[in-house]
Amino acid sequence: MPELPASAQRVQEILNKSGLTLKVRVFPAGTRTSEDAARAVGCRVEQIAKSLIFRTKQGNEPVLVIASGANRVDERAVGRLLGEKISRADADFVRSATGFAIGGVPAVGHTTPPRTLIDEDLLRYDEIWSAAGTPDAVFALTPDQLVGLTGGTVAAVKRG
């Protein structure tokens, strides 16, 4: 089996320490977008747990929203849930706060532990897929495992 890229290996080590038997997989065709990931792993776009980083406007702190790949995030709803307005984070903030580049941000292993919200729509599925540190690496898990790994709060975060 080929060696994982360094960022994906970091994610695998965190998964190993969790006590769960989750395995990072690399797909050469890429998993950068939800559509790419769904095509690569053979699942529905809705089963992709995309990790989006926002920043609080007052505290400039990272916020991780893990949304279903088919959903757009309602930033106002997230702000209400957090009690503070948020904005999209730029690439430099994402890398600084998470240690990962946009397109491969995983649900776990961030440099600065973010406040985490998980899209309630992900709980509809027996299996979901999360990015694993690079634009071509993902891992499968259950929604309950995602909540346990991240300590995130399940909430209504989708627009519309």
C-alpha atoms as a PDB file:
ATOM      1  CA  MET A   1       0.000   0.000   0.000  1.00  0.00           C
ATOM      2  CA  PRO A   2       1.456   3.406  -0.951  1.00  0.00           C
ATOM      3  CA  GLU A   3       2.405   5.827   1.792  1.00  0.00           C
ATOM      4  CA  LEU A   4      -0.107   8.580   2.546  1.00  0.00           C
ATOM      5  CA  PRO A   5       0.821  12.215   1.901  1.00  0.00           C
ATOM      6  CA  ALA A   6       2.006  13.927   5.108  1.00  0.00           C
ATOM      7  CA  SER A   7      -1.248  15.821   5.764  1.00  0.00           C
ATOM      8  CA  ALA A   8      -3.351  12.700   5.197  1.00  0.00           C
ATOM      9  CA  GLN A   9      -1.008  10.715   7.442  1.00  0.00           C
ATOM     10  CA  ARG A  10      -1.598  13.298  10.231  1.00  0.00           C
ATOM     11  CA  VAL A  11      -5.333  12.686   9.896  1.00  0.00           C
ATOM     12  CA  GLN A  12      -4.835   8.900   9.909  1.00  0.00           C
ATOM     13  CA  GLU A  13      -2.802   9.156  13.134  1.00  0.00           C
ATOM     14  CA  ILE A  14      -5.591  11.133  14.805  1.00  0.00           C
ATOM     15  CA  LEU A  15      -8.126   8.536  13.664  1.00  0.00           C
ATOM     16  CA  ASN A  16      -5.881   5.744  14.995  1.00  0.00           C
ATOM     17  CA  LYS A  17      -5.657   7.455  18.393  1.00  0.00           C
ATOM     18  CA  SER A  18      -9.448   7.776  18.524  1.00  0.00           C
ATOM     19  CA  GLY A  19      -9.784   4.022  18.891  1.00  0.00           C
ATOM     20  CA  LEU A  20     -11.958   3.816  15.781  1.00  0.00           C
ATOM     21  CA  THR A  21     -10.946   1.688  12.825  1.00  0.00           C
ATOM     22  CA  LEU A  22     -11.318   4.412  10.218  1.00  0.00           C
ATOM     23  CA  LYS A  23      -9.035   4.393   7.192  1.00  0.00           C
ATOM     24  CA  VAL A  24      -7.886   7.294   5.043  1.00  0.00           C
ATOM     25  CA  ARG A  25      -8.107   6.494   1.341  1.00  0.00           C
ATOM     26  CA  VAL A  26      -6.464   8.381  -1.516  1.00  0.00           C
ATOM     27  CA  PHE A  27      -8.251   8.825  -4.845  1.00  0.00           C
ATOM     28  CA  PRO A  28      -5.901  10.018  -7.615  1.00  0.00           C
ATOM     29  CA  ALA A  29      -8.812  11.552  -9.555  1.00  0.00           C
ATOM     30  CA  GLY A  30      -9.249  13.978  -6.660  1.00  0.00           C
ATOM     31  CA  THR A  31     -11.836  14.730  -3.995  1.00  0.00           C
ATOM     32  CA  ARG A  32     -11.482  18.542  -3.813  1.00  0.00           C
ATOM     33  CA  THR A  33     -15.188  19.278  -4.348  1.00  0.00           C
ATOM     34  CA  SER A  34     -18.190  17.430  -2.978  1.00  0.00           C
ATOM     35  CA  GLU A  35     -19.067  16.310  -6.497  1.00  0.00           C
ATOM     36  CA  ASP A  36     -15.528  15.038  -7.123  1.00  0.00           C
ATOM     37  CA  ALA A  37     -15.520  13.174  -3.819  1.00  0.00           C
ATOM     38  CA  ALA A  38     -18.924  11.575  -4.385  1.00  0.00           C
ATOM     39  CA  ARG A  39     -17.875  10.436  -7.849  1.00  0.00           C
ATOM     40  CA  ALA A  40     -14.584   9.026  -6.536  1.00  0.00           C
ATOM     41  CA  VAL A  41     -16.062   7.045  -3.638  1.00  0.00           C
ATOM     42  CA  GLY A  42     -19.335   6.086  -5.333  1.00  0.00           C
ATOM     43  CA  CYS A  43     -21.807   7.769  -3.012  1.00  0.00           C
ATOM     44  CA  ARG A  44     -24.369  10.574  -3.195  1.00  0.00           C
ATOM     45  CA  VAL A  45     -23.165  14.182  -2.939  1.00  0.00           C
ATOM     46  CA  GLU A  46     -25.358  14.517   0.158  1.00  0.00           C
ATOM     47  CA  GLN A  47     -23.117  11.963   1.927  1.00  0.00           C
ATOM     48  CA  ILE A  48     -20.024  14.131   1.598  1.00  0.00           C
ATOM     49  CA  ALA A  49     -19.249  15.929   4.862  1.00  0.00           C
ATOM     50  CA  LYS A  50     -17.595  19.101   3.560  1.00  0.00           C
ATOM     51  CA  SER A  51     -15.548  21.060   6.081  1.00  0.00           C
ATOM     52  CA  LEU A  52     -15.943  24.806   5.724  1.00  0.00           C
ATOM     53  CA  ILE A  53     -13.973  27.276   7.809  1.00  0.00           C
ATOM     54  CA  PHE A  54     -15.454  30.598   8.839  1.00  0.00           C
ATOM     55  CA  ARG A  55     -14.122  33.215  11.224  1.00  0.00           C
ATOM     56  CA  THR A  56     -15.955  35.080  13.929  1.00  0.00           C
ATOM     57  CA  LYS A  57     -16.050  38.790  13.195  1.00  0.00           C
ATOM     58  CA  GLN A  58     -15.403  39.956  16.766  1.00  0.00           C
ATOM     59  CA  GLY A  59     -13.018  37.326  18.090  1.00  0.00           C
ATOM     60  CA  ASN A  60     -11.418  36.347  14.778  1.00  0.00           C
ATOM     61  CA  GLU A  61     -11.705  32.699  15.858  1.00  0.00           C
ATOM     62  CA  PRO A  62     -12.127  29.709  13.542  1.00  0.00           C
ATOM     63  CA  VAL A  63     -15.528  28.098  13.161  1.00  0.00           C
ATOM     64  CA  LEU A  64     -15.839  24.739  11.420  1.00  0.00           C
ATOM     65  CA  VAL A  65     -19.142  23.964   9.749  1.00  0.00           C
ATOM     66  CA  ILE A  66     -19.369  20.404   8.490  1.00  0.00           C
ATOM     67  CA  ALA A  67     -22.135  20.488   5.923  1.00  0.00           C
ATOM     68  CA  SER A  68     -23.733  17.975   3.621  1.00  0.00           C
ATOM     69  CA  GLY A  69     -22.112  18.260   0.200  1.00  0.00           C
ATOM     70  CA  ALA A  70     -25.445  19.222  -1.365  1.00  0.00           C
ATOM     71  CA  ASN A  71     -26.113  22.104   1.028  1.00  0.00           C
ATOM     72  CA  ARG A  72     -25.043  25.719   1.103  1.00  0.00           C
ATOM     73  CA  VAL A  73     -24.385  27.131   4.568  1.00  0.00           C
ATOM     74  CA  ASP A  74     -26.622  29.890   5.927  1.00  0.00           C
ATOM     75  CA  GLU A  75     -24.034  32.181   7.517  1.00  0.00           C
ATOM     76  CA  ARG A  76     -26.707  34.192   9.350  1.00  0.00           C
ATOM     77  CA  ALA A  77     -28.151  31.026  10.907  1.00  0.00           C
ATOM     78  CA  VAL A  78     -24.658  29.938  11.992  1.00  0.00           C
ATOM     79  CA  GLY A  79     -24.048  33.390  13.465  1.00  0.00           C
ATOM     80  CA  ARG A  80     -27.285  33.172  15.447  1.00  0.00           C
ATOM     81  CA  LEU A  81     -26.334  29.721  16.735  1.00  0.00           C
ATOM     82  CA  LEU A  82     -22.938  31.039  17.870  1.00  0.00           C
ATOM     83  CA  GLY A  83     -24.216  34.387  19.129  1.00  0.00           C
ATOM     84  CA  GLU A  84     -21.684  36.176  16.921  1.00  0.00           C
ATOM     85  CA  LYS A  85     -21.513  37.166  13.267  1.00  0.00           C
ATOM     86  CA  ILE A  86     -19.229  35.119  11.024  1.00  0.00           C
ATOM     87  CA  SER A  87     -17.634  35.565   7.636  1.00  0.00           C
ATOM     88  CA  ARG A  88     -15.941  33.256   5.148  1.00  0.00           C
ATOM     89  CA  ALA A  89     -12.286  32.676   5.912  1.00  0.00           C
ATOM     90  CA  ASP A  90      -9.654  33.300   3.262  1.00  0.00           C
ATOM     91  CA  ALA A  91      -7.061  30.700   2.282  1.00  0.00           C
ATOM     92  CA  ASP A  92      -4.361  32.134   4.572  1.00  0.00           C
ATOM     93  CA  PHE A  93      -6.661  32.095   7.612  1.00  0.00           C
ATOM     94  CA  VAL A  94      -7.788  28.529   6.800  1.00  0.00           C
ATOM     95  CA  ARG A  95      -4.212  27.246   6.584  1.00  0.00           C
ATOM     96  CA  SER A  96      -3.144  29.148   9.715  1.00  0.00           C
ATOM     97  CA  ALA A  97      -6.126  28.003  11.807  1.00  0.00           C
ATOM     98  CA  THR A  98      -6.323  24.413  10.594  1.00  0.00           C
ATOM     99  CA  GLY A  99      -2.887  23.490   9.294  1.00  0.00           C
ATOM    100  CA  PHE A 100      -4.546  22.335   6.064  1.00  0.00           C
ATOM    101  CA  ALA A 101      -5.244  23.924   2.676  1.00  0.00           C
ATOM    102  CA  ILE A 102      -8.717  24.591   1.306  1.00  0.00           C
ATOM    103  CA  GLY A 103      -9.922  21.522  -0.591  1.00  0.00           C
ATOM    104  CA  GLY A 104      -8.588  19.048   1.955  1.00  0.00           C
ATOM    105  CA  VAL A 105      -9.619  20.454   5.346  1.00  0.00           C
ATOM    106  CA  PRO A 106     -10.610  17.494   7.512  1.00  0.00           C
ATOM    107  CA  ALA A 107     -13.084  17.392  10.375  1.00  0.00           C
ATOM    108  CA  VAL A 108     -10.265  16.707  12.869  1.00  0.00           C
ATOM    109  CA  GLY A 109      -6.671  17.635  13.614  1.00  0.00           C
ATOM    110  CA  HIS A 110      -6.816  21.409  13.351  1.00  0.00           C
ATOM    111  CA  THR A 111      -3.964  23.582  14.632  1.00  0.00           C
ATOM    112  CA  THR A 112      -6.472  25.759  16.518  1.00  0.00           C
ATOM    113  CA  PRO A 113      -9.455  23.734  17.773  1.00  0.00           C
ATOM    114  CA  PRO A 114     -12.499  25.394  16.173  1.00  0.00           C
ATOM    115  CA  ARG A 115     -16.045  25.760  17.385  1.00  0.00           C
ATOM    116  CA  THR A 116     -17.794  23.079  15.341  1.00  0.00           C
ATOM    117  CA  LEU A 117     -21.308  22.795  13.949  1.00  0.00           C
ATOM    118  CA  ILE A 118     -22.502  19.713  12.058  1.00  0.00           C
ATOM    119  CA  ASP A 119     -25.272  19.889   9.477  1.00  0.00           C
ATOM    120  CA  GLU A 120     -28.256  17.929  10.779  1.00  0.00           C
ATOM    121  CA  ASP A 121     -28.862  16.605   7.244  1.00  0.00           C
ATOM    122  CA  LEU A 122     -25.740  14.406   7.553  1.00  0.00           C
ATOM    123  CA  LEU A 123     -27.500  12.356  10.243  1.00  0.00           C
ATOM    124  CA  ARG A 124     -29.798  10.887   7.576  1.00  0.00           C
ATOM    125  CA  TYR A 125     -27.065   8.600   6.263  1.00  0.00           C
ATOM    126  CA  ASP A 126     -25.506   5.411   7.576  1.00  0.00           C
ATOM    127  CA  GLU A 127     -22.165   6.347   6.022  1.00  0.00           C
ATOM    128  CA  ILE A 128     -20.643   9.729   5.214  1.00  0.00           C
ATOM    129  CA  TRP A 129     -17.246  10.768   3.837  1.00  0.00           C
ATOM    130  CA  SER A 130     -14.950  13.470   5.205  1.00  0.00           C
ATOM    131  CA  ALA A 131     -11.857  15.093   3.713  1.00  0.00           C
ATOM    132  CA  ALA A 132      -8.602  13.752   5.125  1.00  0.00           C
ATOM    133  CA  GLY A 133      -6.045  16.516   4.800  1.00  0.00           C
ATOM    134  CA  THR A 134      -5.376  16.653   1.062  1.00  0.00           C
ATOM    135  CA  PRO A 135      -7.504  17.318  -2.045  1.00  0.00           C
ATOM    136  CA  ASP A 136      -7.436  13.608  -2.906  1.00  0.00           C
ATOM    137  CA  ALA A 137      -7.871  11.911   0.494  1.00  0.00           C
ATOM    138  CA  VAL A 138     -11.074  11.047   2.371  1.00  0.00           C
ATOM    139  CA  PHE A 139     -12.332   8.637   5.000  1.00  0.00           C
ATOM    140  CA  ALA A 140     -15.713   7.038   5.640  1.00  0.00           C
ATOM    141  CA  LEU A 141     -17.451   7.204   9.004  1.00  0.00           C
ATOM    142  CA  THR A 142     -20.894   7.335  10.558  1.00  0.00           C
ATOM    143  CA  PRO A 143     -22.566  10.577  11.608  1.00  0.00           C
ATOM    144  CA  ASP A 144     -22.311   9.491  15.266  1.00  0.00           C
ATOM    145  CA  GLN A 145     -18.568   8.945  14.835  1.00  0.00           C
ATOM    146  CA  LEU A 146     -18.268  12.420  13.304  1.00  0.00           C
ATOM    147  CA  VAL A 147     -20.025  13.999  16.274  1.00  0.00           C
ATOM    148  CA  GLY A 148     -17.850  12.027  18.695  1.00  0.00           C
ATOM    149  CA  LEU A 149     -14.578  12.833  16.929  1.00  0.00           C
ATOM    150  CA  THR A 150     -15.265  16.558  16.613  1.00  0.00           C
ATOM    151  CA  GLY A 151     -17.327  17.271  19.718  1.00  0.00           C
ATOM    152  CA  GLY A 152     -19.463  19.287  17.319  1.00  0.00           C
ATOM    153  CA  THR A 153     -23.026  20.442  17.819  1.00  0.00           C
ATOM    154  CA  VAL A 154     -25.625  19.136  15.378  1.00  0.00           C
ATOM    155  CA  ALA A 155     -27.704  22.027  14.032  1.00  0.00           C
ATOM    156  CA  ALA A 156     -29.730  23.390  11.122  1.00  0.00           C
ATOM    157  CA  VAL A 157     -27.073  25.206   9.090  1.00  0.00           C
ATOM    158  CA  LYS A 158     -28.274  24.946   5.489  1.00  0.00           C
ATOM    159  CA  ARG A 159     -29.571  27.856   3.493  1.00  0.00           C
ATOM    160  CA  GLY A 160     -33.134  27.707   2.282  1.00  0.00           C
END
